[in-house]
């Protein structure tokens, strides 16, 4: 399964989730590359790694995806809420992209920290996705 198809499937899941909408707006502010004039808070796909993990009878891909949440509110609470909403939504998601079957979506890591310029709070969610090629 291609990284683009997997990302599109997760985008659709995040955009439809009420908990994610409550923190990142409706429509959900989930972008592929950070833009200077984006409304806050927003999430941006930061990194996407893909490697084959073929088993004996099934060809699969392992994806490690990193989402970054950027908040300008005072305090880390909104960033924590956004990270929790994205991780929970991903763990419960059952997307069915065309040409693949996602067997696992596992939040591996999450963290919230102040940005280097001390004006923003950043949240990180790292996901492991295993998708069988059909």
N, C-alpha and C. Protein backbone atom coordinates (compact mmCIF):
# COMPACT_ATOMS: atom_id res chain seq x y z
N UNK A 1 0.85 -1.17 0.00
CA UNK A 1 0.00 0.00 0.00
C UNK A 1 0.89 1.23 0.00
N UNK A 2 0.58 2.15 -0.87
CA UNK A 2 1.40 3.35 -0.97
C UNK A 2 1.19 4.25 0.25
N UNK A 3 2.21 5.04 0.54
CA UNK A 3 2.12 5.99 1.65
C UNK A 3 1.01 7.00 1.40
N UNK A 4 0.86 7.44 0.15
CA UNK A 4 -0.17 8.42 -0.18
C UNK A 4 -1.57 7.88 0.09
N UNK A 5 -1.83 6.63 -0.30
CA UNK A 5 -3.15 6.02 -0.07
C UNK A 5 -3.41 5.84 1.42
N UNK A 6 -2.40 5.45 2.14
CA UNK A 6 -2.54 5.26 3.59
C UNK A 6 -2.80 6.61 4.28
N UNK A 7 -2.07 7.63 3.87
CA UNK A 7 -2.26 8.96 4.45
C UNK A 7 -3.65 9.49 4.14
N UNK A 8 -4.13 9.30 2.91
CA UNK A 8 -5.48 9.76 2.55
C UNK A 8 -6.54 9.05 3.38
N UNK A 9 -6.34 7.76 3.63
CA UNK A 9 -7.30 7.00 4.45
C UNK A 9 -7.33 7.54 5.87
N UNK A 10 -6.16 7.81 6.43
CA UNK A 10 -6.12 8.37 7.79
C UNK A 10 -6.66 9.80 7.83
N UNK A 11 -6.36 10.59 6.81
CA UNK A 11 -6.92 11.94 6.73
C UNK A 11 -8.44 11.89 6.83
N UNK A 12 -9.05 11.00 6.07
CA UNK A 12 -10.52 10.89 6.07
C UNK A 12 -11.04 10.49 7.44
N UNK A 13 -10.34 9.58 8.10
CA UNK A 13 -10.76 9.15 9.45
C UNK A 13 -10.66 10.32 10.42
N UNK A 14 -9.55 11.04 10.41
CA UNK A 14 -9.37 12.17 11.33
C UNK A 14 -10.40 13.28 11.06
N UNK A 15 -10.66 13.56 9.79
CA UNK A 15 -11.60 14.63 9.44
C UNK A 15 -13.03 14.31 9.86
N UNK A 16 -13.37 13.03 9.95
CA UNK A 16 -14.74 12.63 10.30
C UNK A 16 -14.94 12.44 11.81
N UNK A 17 -13.87 12.46 12.59
CA UNK A 17 -13.97 12.16 14.02
C UNK A 17 -14.39 13.40 14.82
N UNK A 18 -15.47 13.30 15.61
CA UNK A 18 -15.94 14.45 16.39
C UNK A 18 -14.93 14.95 17.43
N UNK A 19 -14.17 14.05 18.06
CA UNK A 19 -13.19 14.47 19.06
C UNK A 19 -12.05 15.27 18.41
N UNK A 20 -11.62 14.85 17.23
CA UNK A 20 -10.58 15.58 16.50
C UNK A 20 -11.13 16.93 16.04
N UNK A 21 -12.37 16.94 15.55
CA UNK A 21 -13.00 18.19 15.12
C UNK A 21 -13.13 19.18 16.28
N UNK A 22 -13.40 18.68 17.48
CA UNK A 22 -13.57 19.56 18.64
C UNK A 22 -12.28 20.32 18.96
N UNK A 23 -11.14 19.73 18.66
CA UNK A 23 -9.86 20.38 18.99
C UNK A 23 -9.25 21.08 17.78
N UNK A 24 -9.32 20.45 16.61
CA UNK A 24 -8.66 21.00 15.42
C UNK A 24 -9.63 21.68 14.46
N UNK A 25 -10.87 21.90 14.88
CA UNK A 25 -11.83 22.64 14.07
C UNK A 25 -12.59 21.76 13.10
N UNK A 26 -13.64 22.33 12.56
CA UNK A 26 -14.46 21.66 11.55
C UNK A 26 -14.67 22.64 10.41
N UNK A 27 -14.04 22.43 9.27
CA UNK A 27 -13.24 21.26 8.88
C UNK A 27 -11.92 21.21 9.66
N UNK A 28 -11.45 19.98 9.84
CA UNK A 28 -10.23 19.73 10.60
C UNK A 28 -9.03 20.37 9.89
N UNK A 29 -8.25 21.10 10.67
CA UNK A 29 -7.04 21.74 10.13
C UNK A 29 -5.90 20.71 10.18
N UNK A 30 -5.87 19.88 9.15
CA UNK A 30 -4.84 18.84 8.98
C UNK A 30 -4.21 19.09 7.63
N UNK A 31 -2.95 19.49 7.63
CA UNK A 31 -2.30 19.91 6.39
C UNK A 31 -1.07 19.03 6.12
N UNK A 32 -0.61 19.08 4.90
CA UNK A 32 0.52 18.25 4.51
C UNK A 32 1.85 18.96 4.70
N UNK A 33 1.82 20.28 4.65
CA UNK A 33 3.04 21.06 4.86
C UNK A 33 2.65 22.34 5.59
N UNK A 34 3.47 22.72 6.56
CA UNK A 34 3.16 23.89 7.37
C UNK A 34 3.15 25.15 6.52
N UNK A 35 2.13 25.98 6.73
CA UNK A 35 2.03 27.25 6.03
C UNK A 35 2.09 28.38 7.06
N UNK A 36 2.60 29.50 6.65
CA UNK A 36 2.85 30.60 7.58
C UNK A 36 1.56 31.18 8.19
N UNK A 37 0.49 31.22 7.45
CA UNK A 37 -0.73 31.86 7.92
C UNK A 37 -1.82 30.87 8.33
N UNK A 38 -1.45 29.68 8.74
CA UNK A 38 -2.45 28.69 9.15
C UNK A 38 -3.13 29.11 10.45
N UNK A 39 -4.42 28.76 10.58
CA UNK A 39 -5.14 29.00 11.82
C UNK A 39 -4.68 27.98 12.86
N UNK A 40 -4.64 28.38 14.10
CA UNK A 40 -4.17 27.51 15.18
C UNK A 40 -5.35 26.99 15.98
N UNK A 41 -5.26 25.83 16.56
CA UNK A 41 -4.23 24.82 16.38
C UNK A 41 -4.43 24.08 15.07
N UNK A 42 -3.37 23.45 14.58
CA UNK A 42 -3.46 22.63 13.38
C UNK A 42 -2.50 21.45 13.52
N UNK A 43 -2.73 20.44 12.68
CA UNK A 43 -1.85 19.27 12.64
C UNK A 43 -1.22 19.21 11.25
N UNK A 44 0.02 18.79 11.22
CA UNK A 44 0.75 18.70 9.94
C UNK A 44 1.47 17.35 9.91
N UNK A 45 1.41 16.70 8.75
CA UNK A 45 2.17 15.46 8.57
C UNK A 45 3.64 15.85 8.51
N UNK A 46 4.44 15.35 9.43
CA UNK A 46 5.84 15.74 9.51
C UNK A 46 6.76 14.75 8.82
N UNK A 47 6.48 13.45 8.98
CA UNK A 47 7.38 12.44 8.41
C UNK A 47 6.59 11.18 8.12
N UNK A 48 6.99 10.45 7.08
CA UNK A 48 6.33 9.19 6.73
C UNK A 48 7.38 8.23 6.20
N UNK A 49 7.58 7.12 6.91
CA UNK A 49 8.53 6.09 6.49
C UNK A 49 7.74 4.85 6.08
N UNK A 50 8.19 4.18 5.03
CA UNK A 50 7.53 2.95 4.56
C UNK A 50 8.59 1.91 4.24
N UNK A 51 8.32 0.67 4.67
CA UNK A 51 9.22 -0.43 4.29
C UNK A 51 8.38 -1.70 4.16
N UNK A 52 8.79 -2.59 3.27
CA UNK A 52 8.07 -3.85 3.12
C UNK A 52 8.34 -4.77 4.31
N UNK A 53 7.30 -5.49 4.72
CA UNK A 53 7.43 -6.48 5.79
C UNK A 53 6.69 -7.74 5.36
N UNK A 54 7.15 -8.31 4.26
CA UNK A 54 6.45 -9.44 3.67
C UNK A 54 6.53 -10.67 4.57
N UNK A 55 5.39 -11.28 4.77
CA UNK A 55 5.31 -12.56 5.48
C UNK A 55 5.34 -13.66 4.42
N UNK A 56 5.18 -14.90 4.83
CA UNK A 56 5.30 -16.00 3.88
C UNK A 56 4.23 -15.98 2.79
N UNK A 57 3.01 -15.62 3.13
CA UNK A 57 1.93 -15.65 2.15
C UNK A 57 1.34 -14.27 1.83
N UNK A 58 1.71 -13.26 2.61
CA UNK A 58 1.08 -11.95 2.45
C UNK A 58 2.16 -10.89 2.27
N UNK A 59 1.96 -10.04 1.28
CA UNK A 59 2.87 -8.91 1.11
C UNK A 59 2.28 -7.72 1.87
N UNK A 60 3.08 -7.16 2.76
CA UNK A 60 2.61 -6.06 3.61
C UNK A 60 3.62 -4.92 3.58
N UNK A 61 3.14 -3.76 4.02
CA UNK A 61 4.00 -2.60 4.20
C UNK A 61 3.84 -2.10 5.62
N UNK A 62 4.95 -1.69 6.21
CA UNK A 62 4.92 -1.05 7.51
C UNK A 62 5.16 0.44 7.30
N UNK A 63 4.27 1.23 7.84
CA UNK A 63 4.39 2.69 7.76
C UNK A 63 4.60 3.23 9.16
N UNK A 64 5.52 4.14 9.30
CA UNK A 64 5.69 4.90 10.54
C UNK A 64 5.41 6.36 10.18
N UNK A 65 4.31 6.87 10.71
CA UNK A 65 3.86 8.21 10.36
C UNK A 65 3.96 9.11 11.58
N UNK A 66 4.41 10.35 11.37
CA UNK A 66 4.52 11.31 12.46
C UNK A 66 3.67 12.53 12.15
N UNK A 67 2.77 12.82 13.08
CA UNK A 67 1.93 14.02 13.01
C UNK A 67 2.43 15.01 14.06
N UNK A 68 2.47 16.27 13.68
CA UNK A 68 2.84 17.32 14.64
C UNK A 68 1.65 18.24 14.81
N UNK A 69 1.32 18.58 16.03
CA UNK A 69 0.26 19.53 16.34
C UNK A 69 0.93 20.83 16.77
N UNK A 70 0.45 21.95 16.24
CA UNK A 70 1.01 23.26 16.58
C UNK A 70 -0.10 24.11 17.19
N UNK A 71 0.13 24.61 18.42
CA UNK A 71 -0.85 25.42 19.13
C UNK A 71 -0.19 26.72 19.58
N UNK A 72 -0.95 27.79 19.57
CA UNK A 72 -0.45 29.08 20.06
C UNK A 72 -1.14 29.51 21.35
N UNK A 73 -2.04 28.69 21.89
CA UNK A 73 -2.72 29.03 23.12
C UNK A 73 -1.74 29.00 24.29
N UNK A 74 -2.07 29.74 25.33
CA UNK A 74 -1.26 29.72 26.54
C UNK A 74 -1.42 28.37 27.21
N UNK A 75 -0.33 27.74 27.54
CA UNK A 75 -0.37 26.44 28.19
C UNK A 75 -0.44 25.30 27.19
N UNK A 76 -0.17 24.11 27.69
CA UNK A 76 -0.07 22.93 26.83
C UNK A 76 -1.37 22.16 26.70
N UNK A 77 -2.44 22.58 27.36
CA UNK A 77 -3.65 21.77 27.43
C UNK A 77 -4.26 21.47 26.06
N UNK A 78 -4.35 22.45 25.19
CA UNK A 78 -4.95 22.21 23.86
C UNK A 78 -4.09 21.24 23.06
N UNK A 79 -2.77 21.38 23.14
CA UNK A 79 -1.88 20.45 22.45
C UNK A 79 -2.07 19.03 22.99
N UNK A 80 -2.21 18.90 24.31
CA UNK A 80 -2.44 17.57 24.91
C UNK A 80 -3.77 16.98 24.43
N UNK A 81 -4.80 17.81 24.39
CA UNK A 81 -6.11 17.34 23.92
C UNK A 81 -6.04 16.89 22.47
N UNK A 82 -5.34 17.64 21.64
CA UNK A 82 -5.22 17.29 20.22
C UNK A 82 -4.45 15.99 20.03
N UNK A 83 -3.36 15.84 20.76
CA UNK A 83 -2.55 14.62 20.68
C UNK A 83 -3.40 13.42 21.12
N UNK A 84 -4.12 13.56 22.22
CA UNK A 84 -4.96 12.47 22.71
C UNK A 84 -6.06 12.13 21.72
N UNK A 85 -6.70 13.14 21.13
CA UNK A 85 -7.77 12.89 20.16
C UNK A 85 -7.24 12.17 18.93
N UNK A 86 -6.10 12.60 18.40
CA UNK A 86 -5.52 11.95 17.22
C UNK A 86 -5.09 10.52 17.51
N UNK A 87 -4.44 10.30 18.65
CA UNK A 87 -3.97 8.95 19.00
C UNK A 87 -5.14 8.00 19.23
N UNK A 88 -6.17 8.46 19.94
CA UNK A 88 -7.35 7.63 20.20
C UNK A 88 -8.09 7.31 18.92
N UNK A 89 -8.27 8.33 18.08
CA UNK A 89 -8.96 8.13 16.80
C UNK A 89 -8.21 7.13 15.94
N UNK A 90 -6.89 7.27 15.86
CA UNK A 90 -6.08 6.35 15.04
C UNK A 90 -6.18 4.92 15.57
N UNK A 91 -6.10 4.75 16.89
CA UNK A 91 -6.14 3.41 17.48
C UNK A 91 -7.47 2.71 17.22
N UNK A 92 -8.55 3.48 17.12
CA UNK A 92 -9.88 2.90 16.92
C UNK A 92 -10.29 2.83 15.45
N UNK A 93 -9.48 3.41 14.58
CA UNK A 93 -9.84 3.52 13.16
C UNK A 93 -9.81 2.17 12.45
N UNK A 94 -10.70 2.02 11.50
CA UNK A 94 -10.75 0.84 10.64
C UNK A 94 -10.92 1.28 9.18
N UNK A 95 -9.97 2.07 8.66
CA UNK A 95 -10.12 2.52 7.28
C UNK A 95 -9.91 1.36 6.31
N UNK A 96 -10.57 1.43 5.17
CA UNK A 96 -10.44 0.41 4.13
C UNK A 96 -10.06 1.06 2.82
N UNK A 97 -8.81 1.46 2.67
CA UNK A 97 -8.42 2.07 1.40
C UNK A 97 -8.43 1.04 0.28
N UNK A 98 -8.64 1.52 -0.92
CA UNK A 98 -8.70 0.63 -2.07
C UNK A 98 -7.33 0.01 -2.32
N UNK A 99 -7.31 -1.29 -2.54
CA UNK A 99 -6.08 -1.99 -2.86
C UNK A 99 -5.26 -2.44 -1.67
N UNK A 100 -5.82 -2.30 -0.47
CA UNK A 100 -5.07 -2.71 0.72
C UNK A 100 -6.03 -3.01 1.86
N UNK A 101 -5.47 -3.66 2.86
CA UNK A 101 -6.24 -3.92 4.08
C UNK A 101 -5.34 -3.51 5.24
N UNK A 102 -5.79 -2.53 5.99
CA UNK A 102 -5.01 -2.09 7.14
C UNK A 102 -5.29 -3.03 8.29
N UNK A 103 -4.23 -3.68 8.77
CA UNK A 103 -4.38 -4.67 9.83
C UNK A 103 -4.08 -4.09 11.20
N UNK A 104 -3.29 -3.03 11.26
CA UNK A 104 -2.89 -2.48 12.54
C UNK A 104 -2.64 -0.99 12.42
N UNK A 105 -3.19 -0.24 13.34
CA UNK A 105 -2.80 1.16 13.53
C UNK A 105 -2.52 1.29 15.03
N UNK A 106 -1.28 1.57 15.36
CA UNK A 106 -0.86 1.59 16.75
C UNK A 106 -0.14 2.90 17.06
N UNK A 107 -0.67 3.70 17.97
CA UNK A 107 0.08 4.88 18.42
C UNK A 107 1.32 4.42 19.19
N UNK A 108 2.49 4.77 18.68
CA UNK A 108 3.75 4.34 19.29
C UNK A 108 4.27 5.31 20.33
N UNK A 109 4.03 6.59 20.10
CA UNK A 109 4.69 7.61 20.91
C UNK A 109 3.89 8.89 20.82
N UNK A 110 3.81 9.61 21.90
CA UNK A 110 3.24 10.96 21.87
C UNK A 110 3.96 11.82 22.90
N UNK A 111 4.01 13.10 22.62
CA UNK A 111 4.69 14.03 23.52
C UNK A 111 4.16 15.43 23.25
N UNK A 112 4.26 16.28 24.25
CA UNK A 112 3.91 17.70 24.11
C UNK A 112 5.06 18.50 24.69
N UNK A 113 5.48 19.54 23.97
CA UNK A 113 6.62 20.34 24.42
C UNK A 113 6.47 21.77 23.92
N UNK A 114 7.19 22.67 24.52
CA UNK A 114 7.21 24.06 24.06
C UNK A 114 8.15 24.15 22.86
N UNK A 115 7.78 24.98 21.89
CA UNK A 115 8.62 25.16 20.71
C UNK A 115 9.88 25.95 21.08
N UNK A 116 10.87 25.93 20.21
CA UNK A 116 12.14 26.61 20.47
C UNK A 116 11.96 28.12 20.62
N UNK A 117 10.99 28.68 19.91
CA UNK A 117 10.77 30.13 20.00
C UNK A 117 9.90 30.52 21.20
N UNK A 118 9.42 29.53 21.95
CA UNK A 118 8.61 29.73 23.17
C UNK A 118 7.28 30.41 22.90
N UNK A 119 6.84 30.49 21.64
CA UNK A 119 5.54 31.09 21.32
C UNK A 119 4.47 30.04 21.10
N UNK A 120 4.87 28.80 20.87
CA UNK A 120 3.93 27.75 20.51
C UNK A 120 4.15 26.52 21.39
N UNK A 121 3.13 25.68 21.42
CA UNK A 121 3.24 24.35 22.00
C UNK A 121 3.15 23.35 20.87
N UNK A 122 4.01 22.34 20.89
CA UNK A 122 4.03 21.32 19.85
C UNK A 122 3.65 19.98 20.45
N UNK A 123 2.82 19.24 19.73
CA UNK A 123 2.48 17.89 20.11
C UNK A 123 2.93 16.95 19.01
N UNK A 124 3.39 15.79 19.38
CA UNK A 124 3.86 14.78 18.41
C UNK A 124 3.07 13.50 18.64
N UNK A 125 2.60 12.92 17.55
CA UNK A 125 1.97 11.59 17.60
C UNK A 125 2.66 10.74 16.53
N UNK A 126 3.24 9.61 16.93
CA UNK A 126 3.87 8.70 15.98
C UNK A 126 3.02 7.45 15.89
N UNK A 127 2.67 7.05 14.68
CA UNK A 127 1.80 5.91 14.45
C UNK A 127 2.52 4.82 13.66
N UNK A 128 2.25 3.58 14.02
CA UNK A 128 2.72 2.44 13.23
C UNK A 128 1.51 1.85 12.54
N UNK A 129 1.60 1.69 11.22
CA UNK A 129 0.50 1.15 10.42
C UNK A 129 1.02 -0.04 9.64
N UNK A 130 0.35 -1.17 9.74
CA UNK A 130 0.68 -2.34 8.92
C UNK A 130 -0.48 -2.52 7.94
N UNK A 131 -0.15 -2.56 6.66
CA UNK A 131 -1.17 -2.70 5.62
C UNK A 131 -0.79 -3.84 4.68
N UNK A 132 -1.71 -4.77 4.51
CA UNK A 132 -1.52 -5.87 3.54
C UNK A 132 -1.89 -5.37 2.16
N UNK A 133 -1.05 -5.73 1.19
CA UNK A 133 -1.39 -5.43 -0.21
C UNK A 133 -2.34 -6.48 -0.72
N UNK A 134 -3.39 -6.03 -1.37
CA UNK A 134 -4.40 -6.97 -1.91
C UNK A 134 -4.22 -7.10 -3.41
